[in-house]
C-alpha atoms as a PDB file:
ATOM      1  CA  UNK A   1     257.144 105.126  52.670  1.00  0.00           C
ATOM      2  CA  UNK A   2     253.690 106.381  51.702  1.00  0.00           C
ATOM      3  CA  UNK A   3     251.327 106.613  54.685  1.00  0.00           C
ATOM      4  CA  UNK A   4     247.665 107.254  53.932  1.00  0.00           C
ATOM      5  CA  UNK A   5     245.920 109.519  56.440  1.00  0.00           C
ATOM      6  CA  UNK A   6     243.017 107.103  56.855  1.00  0.00           C
ATOM      7  CA  UNK A   7     245.362 104.457  58.246  1.00  0.00           C
ATOM      8  CA  UNK A   8     246.467 106.506  61.257  1.00  0.00           C
ATOM      9  CA  UNK A   9     243.401 108.669  61.976  1.00  0.00           C
ATOM     10  CA  UNK A  10     241.600 105.987  64.052  1.00  0.00           C
ATOM     11  CA  UNK A  11     244.601 105.618  66.358  1.00  0.00           C
ATOM     12  CA  UNK A  12     244.891 109.384  66.833  1.00  0.00           C
ATOM     13  CA  UNK A  13     241.221 109.733  67.759  1.00  0.00           C
ATOM     14  CA  UNK A  14     241.257 106.603  69.957  1.00  0.00           C
ATOM     15  CA  UNK A  15     244.190 107.978  71.933  1.00  0.00           C
ATOM     16  CA  UNK A  16     242.879 111.524  72.136  1.00  0.00           C
ATOM     17  CA  UNK A  17     240.055 110.714  74.576  1.00  0.00           C
ATOM     18  CA  UNK A  18     237.435 112.527  72.500  1.00  0.00           C
ATOM     19  CA  UNK A  19     233.821 111.561  73.048  1.00  0.00           C
ATOM     20  CA  UNK A  20     232.967 108.602  70.860  1.00  0.00           C
ATOM     21  CA  UNK A  21     230.185 110.223  68.794  1.00  0.00           C
ATOM     22  CA  UNK A  22     232.270 113.326  68.072  1.00  0.00           C
ATOM     23  CA  UNK A  23     235.253 111.173  67.165  1.00  0.00           C
ATOM     24  CA  UNK A  24     233.185 109.020  64.792  1.00  0.00           C
ATOM     25  CA  UNK A  25     231.491 111.980  63.125  1.00  0.00           C
ATOM     26  CA  UNK A  26     234.800 113.733  62.471  1.00  0.00           C
ATOM     27  CA  UNK A  27     236.473 110.526  61.363  1.00  0.00           C
ATOM     28  CA  UNK A  28     233.674 109.666  58.913  1.00  0.00           C
ATOM     29  CA  UNK A  29     233.754 113.095  57.289  1.00  0.00           C
ATOM     30  CA  UNK A  30     237.564 113.152  57.058  1.00  0.00           C
ATOM     31  CA  UNK A  31     237.658 109.656  55.591  1.00  0.00           C
ATOM     32  CA  UNK A  32     235.112 110.534  52.880  1.00  0.00           C
ATOM     33  CA  UNK A  33     236.888 113.808  52.072  1.00  0.00           C
ATOM     34  CA  UNK A  34     240.236 112.026  51.833  1.00  0.00           C
ATOM     35  CA  UNK A  35     239.293 109.053  49.709  1.00  0.00           C
ATOM     36  CA  UNK A  36     235.539 108.626  49.199  1.00  0.00           C
ATOM     37  CA  UNK A  37     234.152 105.107  48.948  1.00  0.00           C
ATOM     38  CA  UNK A  38     236.318 102.223  47.794  1.00  0.00           C
ATOM     39  CA  UNK A  39     235.452 100.591  44.459  1.00  0.00           C
ATOM     40  CA  UNK A  40     234.114  97.526  46.291  1.00  0.00           C
ATOM     41  CA  UNK A  41     231.873  99.744  48.454  1.00  0.00           C
ATOM     42  CA  UNK A  42     230.703 101.836  45.492  1.00  0.00           C
ATOM     43  CA  UNK A  43     229.849  98.639  43.593  1.00  0.00           C
ATOM     44  CA  UNK A  44     227.907  97.197  46.568  1.00  0.00           C
ATOM     45  CA  UNK A  45     226.005 100.450  47.054  1.00  0.00           C
ATOM     46  CA  UNK A  46     225.141 100.618  43.350  1.00  0.00           C
ATOM     47  CA  UNK A  47     224.040  96.966  43.385  1.00  0.00           C
ATOM     48  CA  UNK A  48     221.752  97.848  46.325  1.00  0.00           C
ATOM     49  CA  UNK A  49     220.257 100.871  44.533  1.00  0.00           C
ATOM     50  CA  UNK A  50     222.024 103.427  46.748  1.00  0.00           C
ATOM     51  CA  UNK A  51     224.076 106.373  45.481  1.00  0.00           C
ATOM     52  CA  UNK A  52     227.391 107.215  47.127  1.00  0.00           C
ATOM     53  CA  UNK A  53     225.916 110.595  48.067  1.00  0.00           C
ATOM     54  CA  UNK A  54     222.965 108.995  49.890  1.00  0.00           C
ATOM     55  CA  UNK A  55     225.271 106.516  51.644  1.00  0.00           C
ATOM     56  CA  UNK A  56     227.478 109.404  52.795  1.00  0.00           C
ATOM     57  CA  UNK A  57     224.402 111.309  54.035  1.00  0.00           C
ATOM     58  CA  UNK A  58     223.464 108.183  56.006  1.00  0.00           C
ATOM     59  CA  UNK A  59     226.923 108.295  57.634  1.00  0.00           C
ATOM     60  CA  UNK A  60     228.329 105.229  55.880  1.00  0.00           C
ATOM     61  CA  UNK A  61     231.976 104.959  54.882  1.00  0.00           C
ATOM     62  CA  UNK A  62     234.313 102.267  53.622  1.00  0.00           C
ATOM     63  CA  UNK A  63     237.546 100.864  55.020  1.00  0.00           C
ATOM     64  CA  UNK A  64     240.182  98.575  53.545  1.00  0.00           C
ATOM     65  CA  UNK A  65     240.765  96.675  56.796  1.00  0.00           C
ATOM     66  CA  UNK A  66     237.957  96.690  59.380  1.00  0.00           C
ATOM     67  CA  UNK A  67     240.215  95.319  62.126  1.00  0.00           C
ATOM     68  CA  UNK A  68     242.832  98.067  61.763  1.00  0.00           C
ATOM     69  CA  UNK A  69     240.516 100.955  60.929  1.00  0.00           C
ATOM     70  CA  UNK A  70     237.440 100.304  63.099  1.00  0.00           C
ATOM     71  CA  UNK A  71     237.942  97.768  65.901  1.00  0.00           C
ATOM     72  CA  UNK A  72     240.104  94.736  66.624  1.00  0.00           C
ATOM     73  CA  UNK A  73     236.984  92.534  66.913  1.00  0.00           C
ATOM     74  CA  UNK A  74     236.380  92.798  63.172  1.00  0.00           C
ATOM     75  CA  UNK A  75     238.067  90.767  60.444  1.00  0.00           C
ATOM     76  CA  UNK A  76     240.973  92.044  58.373  1.00  0.00           C
ATOM     77  CA  UNK A  77     238.724  92.540  55.367  1.00  0.00           C
ATOM     78  CA  UNK A  78     237.442  95.486  53.324  1.00  0.00           C
ATOM     79  CA  UNK A  79     234.091  96.676  54.634  1.00  0.00           C
ATOM     80  CA  UNK A  80     231.288  99.189  54.466  1.00  0.00           C
ATOM     81  CA  UNK A  81     230.741 100.721  57.909  1.00  0.00           C
ATOM     82  CA  UNK A  82     227.090 101.337  58.804  1.00  0.00           C
ATOM     83  CA  UNK A  83     226.603 103.646  61.800  1.00  0.00           C
ATOM     84  CA  UNK A  84     223.263 103.576  63.606  1.00  0.00           C
ATOM     85  CA  UNK A  85     221.314 106.661  64.701  1.00  0.00           C
ATOM     86  CA  UNK A  86     218.221 107.094  66.876  1.00  0.00           C
ATOM     87  CA  UNK A  87     215.032 108.962  65.924  1.00  0.00           C
ATOM     88  CA  UNK A  88     216.730 112.294  66.666  1.00  0.00           C
ATOM     89  CA  UNK A  89     219.734 111.521  64.446  1.00  0.00           C
ATOM     90  CA  UNK A  90     222.050 110.984  67.421  1.00  0.00           C
ATOM     91  CA  UNK A  91     224.498 108.062  67.173  1.00  0.00           C
ATOM     92  CA  UNK A  92     223.286 104.931  68.976  1.00  0.00           C
ATOM     93  CA  UNK A  93     225.795 103.971  71.651  1.00  0.00           C
ATOM     94  CA  UNK A  94     226.469 101.051  73.942  1.00  0.00           C
ATOM     95  CA  UNK A  95     228.718 100.597  76.949  1.00  0.00           C
ATOM     96  CA  UNK A  96     231.131  97.765  77.488  1.00  0.00           C
ATOM     97  CA  UNK A  97     233.849  97.519  80.127  1.00  0.00           C
ATOM     98  CA  UNK A  98     233.172 101.112  81.144  1.00  0.00           C
ATOM     99  CA  UNK A  99     233.736 102.502  77.643  1.00  0.00           C
ATOM    100  CA  UNK A 100     230.932 104.129  75.642  1.00  0.00           C
ATOM    101  CA  UNK A 101     231.162 103.308  71.941  1.00  0.00           C
ATOM    102  CA  UNK A 102     229.080 104.200  68.896  1.00  0.00           C
ATOM    103  CA  UNK A 103     227.148 101.233  67.512  1.00  0.00           C
ATOM    104  CA  UNK A 104     228.069 100.256  63.971  1.00  0.00           C
ATOM    105  CA  UNK A 105     227.584  97.188  61.853  1.00  0.00           C
ATOM    106  CA  UNK A 106     230.123  96.121  59.288  1.00  0.00           C
ATOM    107  CA  UNK A 107     229.229  94.801  55.821  1.00  0.00           C
ATOM    108  CA  UNK A 108     232.275  92.942  54.504  1.00  0.00           C
ATOM    109  CA  UNK A 109     232.864  93.602  50.825  1.00  0.00           C
ATOM    110  CA  UNK A 110     235.097  90.806  49.587  1.00  0.00           C
ATOM    111  CA  UNK A 111     233.574  88.051  47.477  1.00  0.00           C
ATOM    112  CA  UNK A 112     230.779  86.115  49.188  1.00  0.00           C
ATOM    113  CA  UNK A 113     232.309  82.795  48.177  1.00  0.00           C
ATOM    114  CA  UNK A 114     235.471  83.532  50.177  1.00  0.00           C
ATOM    115  CA  UNK A 115     236.121  80.769  52.692  1.00  0.00           C
ATOM    116  CA  UNK A 116     238.386  80.463  55.694  1.00  0.00           C
ATOM    117  CA  UNK A 117     241.221  77.944  55.973  1.00  0.00           C
ATOM    118  CA  UNK A 118     238.869  75.082  56.891  1.00  0.00           C
ATOM    119  CA  UNK A 119     236.423  75.845  54.080  1.00  0.00           C
ATOM    120  CA  UNK A 120     233.734  77.596  56.128  1.00  0.00           C
ATOM    121  CA  UNK A 121     232.019  80.486  54.316  1.00  0.00           C
ATOM    122  CA  UNK A 122     233.000  83.828  55.865  1.00  0.00           C
ATOM    123  CA  UNK A 123     230.381  86.095  57.450  1.00  0.00           C
ATOM    124  CA  UNK A 124     229.072  89.033  55.433  1.00  0.00           C
ATOM    125  CA  UNK A 125     228.028  91.187  58.419  1.00  0.00           C
ATOM    126  CA  UNK A 126     229.450  91.726  61.895  1.00  0.00           C
ATOM    127  CA  UNK A 127     229.011  93.916  64.949  1.00  0.00           C
ATOM    128  CA  UNK A 128     230.857  94.256  68.224  1.00  0.00           C
ATOM    129  CA  UNK A 129     230.141  91.663  70.905  1.00  0.00           C
ATOM    130  CA  UNK A 130     227.767  92.843  73.596  1.00  0.00           C
ATOM    131  CA  UNK A 131     226.518  95.756  71.483  1.00  0.00           C
ATOM    132  CA  UNK A 132     222.899  94.574  71.440  1.00  0.00           C
ATOM    133  CA  UNK A 133     220.278  94.745  68.719  1.00  0.00           C
ATOM    134  CA  UNK A 134     219.048  98.119  67.470  1.00  0.00           C
ATOM    135  CA  UNK A 135     216.654  99.356  64.782  1.00  0.00           C
ATOM    136  CA  UNK A 136     218.334 101.093  61.843  1.00  0.00           C
ATOM    137  CA  UNK A 137     216.829 104.508  61.044  1.00  0.00           C
ATOM    138  CA  UNK A 138     218.463 105.731  57.801  1.00  0.00           C
ATOM    139  CA  UNK A 139     219.647 109.235  58.572  1.00  0.00           C
ATOM    140  CA  UNK A 140     218.419 110.638  55.256  1.00  0.00           C
ATOM    141  CA  UNK A 141     214.842 111.028  56.576  1.00  0.00           C
ATOM    142  CA  UNK A 142     213.490 113.083  59.476  1.00  0.00           C
ATOM    143  CA  UNK A 143     212.380 110.239  61.736  1.00  0.00           C
ATOM    144  CA  UNK A 144     211.055 112.563  64.443  1.00  0.00           C
ATOM    145  CA  UNK A 145     208.527 113.994  61.969  1.00  0.00           C
ATOM    146  CA  UNK A 146     207.645 110.520  60.710  1.00  0.00           C
ATOM    147  CA  UNK A 147     207.098 109.280  64.282  1.00  0.00           C
ATOM    148  CA  UNK A 148     204.710 112.187  64.989  1.00  0.00           C
ATOM    149  CA  UNK A 149     202.481 111.417  61.968  1.00  0.00           C
ATOM    150  CA  UNK A 150     200.198 108.538  62.984  1.00  0.00           C
ATOM    151  CA  UNK A 151     198.917 108.230  59.386  1.00  0.00           C
ATOM    152  CA  UNK A 152     202.404 107.736  57.951  1.00  0.00           C
ATOM    153  CA  UNK A 153     203.004 104.142  56.881  1.00  0.00           C
ATOM    154  CA  UNK A 154     206.345 102.666  57.926  1.00  0.00           C
ATOM    155  CA  UNK A 155     207.996  99.625  56.381  1.00  0.00           C
ATOM    156  CA  UNK A 156     210.192  97.276  58.408  1.00  0.00           C
ATOM    157  CA  UNK A 157     212.732  95.127  56.570  1.00  0.00           C
ATOM    158  CA  UNK A 158     215.715  92.948  57.326  1.00  0.00           C
ATOM    159  CA  UNK A 159     218.911  94.763  56.462  1.00  0.00           C
ATOM    160  CA  UNK A 160     220.286  98.271  56.542  1.00  0.00           C
ATOM    161  CA  UNK A 161     220.971  98.530  52.813  1.00  0.00           C
ATOM    162  CA  UNK A 162     217.388  97.586  51.914  1.00  0.00           C
ATOM    163  CA  UNK A 163     216.091 100.135  54.426  1.00  0.00           C
ATOM    164  CA  UNK A 164     218.310 102.902  53.057  1.00  0.00           C
ATOM    165  CA  UNK A 165     217.415 102.068  49.437  1.00  0.00           C
ATOM    166  CA  UNK A 166     213.692 102.288  50.283  1.00  0.00           C
ATOM    167  CA  UNK A 167     214.161 105.581  52.173  1.00  0.00           C
ATOM    168  CA  UNK A 168     215.993 106.995  49.137  1.00  0.00           C
ATOM    169  CA  UNK A 169     212.752 106.391  47.237  1.00  0.00           C
ATOM    170  CA  UNK A 170     210.634 108.116  49.917  1.00  0.00           C
ATOM    171  CA  UNK A 171     209.379 104.931  51.589  1.00  0.00           C
ATOM    172  CA  UNK A 172     210.085 105.352  55.322  1.00  0.00           C
ATOM    173  CA  UNK A 173     211.744 102.048  56.178  1.00  0.00           C
ATOM    174  CA  UNK A 174     213.329 100.820  59.396  1.00  0.00           C
ATOM    175  CA  UNK A 175     216.000  98.159  59.019  1.00  0.00           C
ATOM    176  CA  UNK A 176     216.667  95.298  61.395  1.00  0.00           C
ATOM    177  CA  UNK A 177     220.054  93.626  61.567  1.00  0.00           C
ATOM    178  CA  UNK A 178     220.242  90.051  60.326  1.00  0.00           C
ATOM    179  CA  UNK A 179     218.393  87.324  62.181  1.00  0.00           C
ATOM    180  CA  UNK A 180     221.751  86.015  63.418  1.00  0.00           C
ATOM    181  CA  UNK A 181     221.884  89.029  65.762  1.00  0.00           C
ATOM    182  CA  UNK A 182     218.893  87.704  67.684  1.00  0.00           C
ATOM    183  CA  UNK A 183     220.498  84.370  68.519  1.00  0.00           C
ATOM    184  CA  UNK A 184     222.296  83.908  71.817  1.00  0.00           C
ATOM    185  CA  UNK A 185     224.594  80.943  71.531  1.00  0.00           C
ATOM    186  CA  UNK A 186     225.107  78.763  74.551  1.00  0.00           C
ATOM    187  CA  UNK A 187     228.591  77.682  75.451  1.00  0.00           C
ATOM    188  CA  UNK A 188     229.570  74.631  73.427  1.00  0.00           C
ATOM    189  CA  UNK A 189     226.852  75.076  70.775  1.00  0.00           C
ATOM    190  CA  UNK A 190     227.505  75.748  67.095  1.00  0.00           C
END
């Protein structure tokens, strides 16, 4: 039986009681050292105008099964994991049920025309319930310096990949998660 290290590392860190941001940082680096980005992730990054190196510098990594490797709230699908950082480069966190967790969004990588068993198109992005809405500051720029320069133009766009691609070309760009994140559904509504 061949066990890949990336399949059991999340469980080890989850059980160890390490602080969430330390656990995520170590896990991201180990995952990239062990296997790099999956072909699906590398293709998506390339399609978005982002090199694997820049994605790694931004803290992104890929997983084969987001439910098993990140959190049980996510689908059992291959995904690109997009961690969020504040202006200082510190992981954005949220608290739920007394547990502090790093905020990430998941970009599923399987074909967009994939449908569930009733024919509904599957979601491309996801985030943990109750995690809130946060601006995405691509970690490849020094956002503290940018924030101090009142003459520095800043672009705001929908989507983390667009923001990172623009930052890679020296256009300071803040990304906002999809508009679906701003909708609070009432019980019984679709």
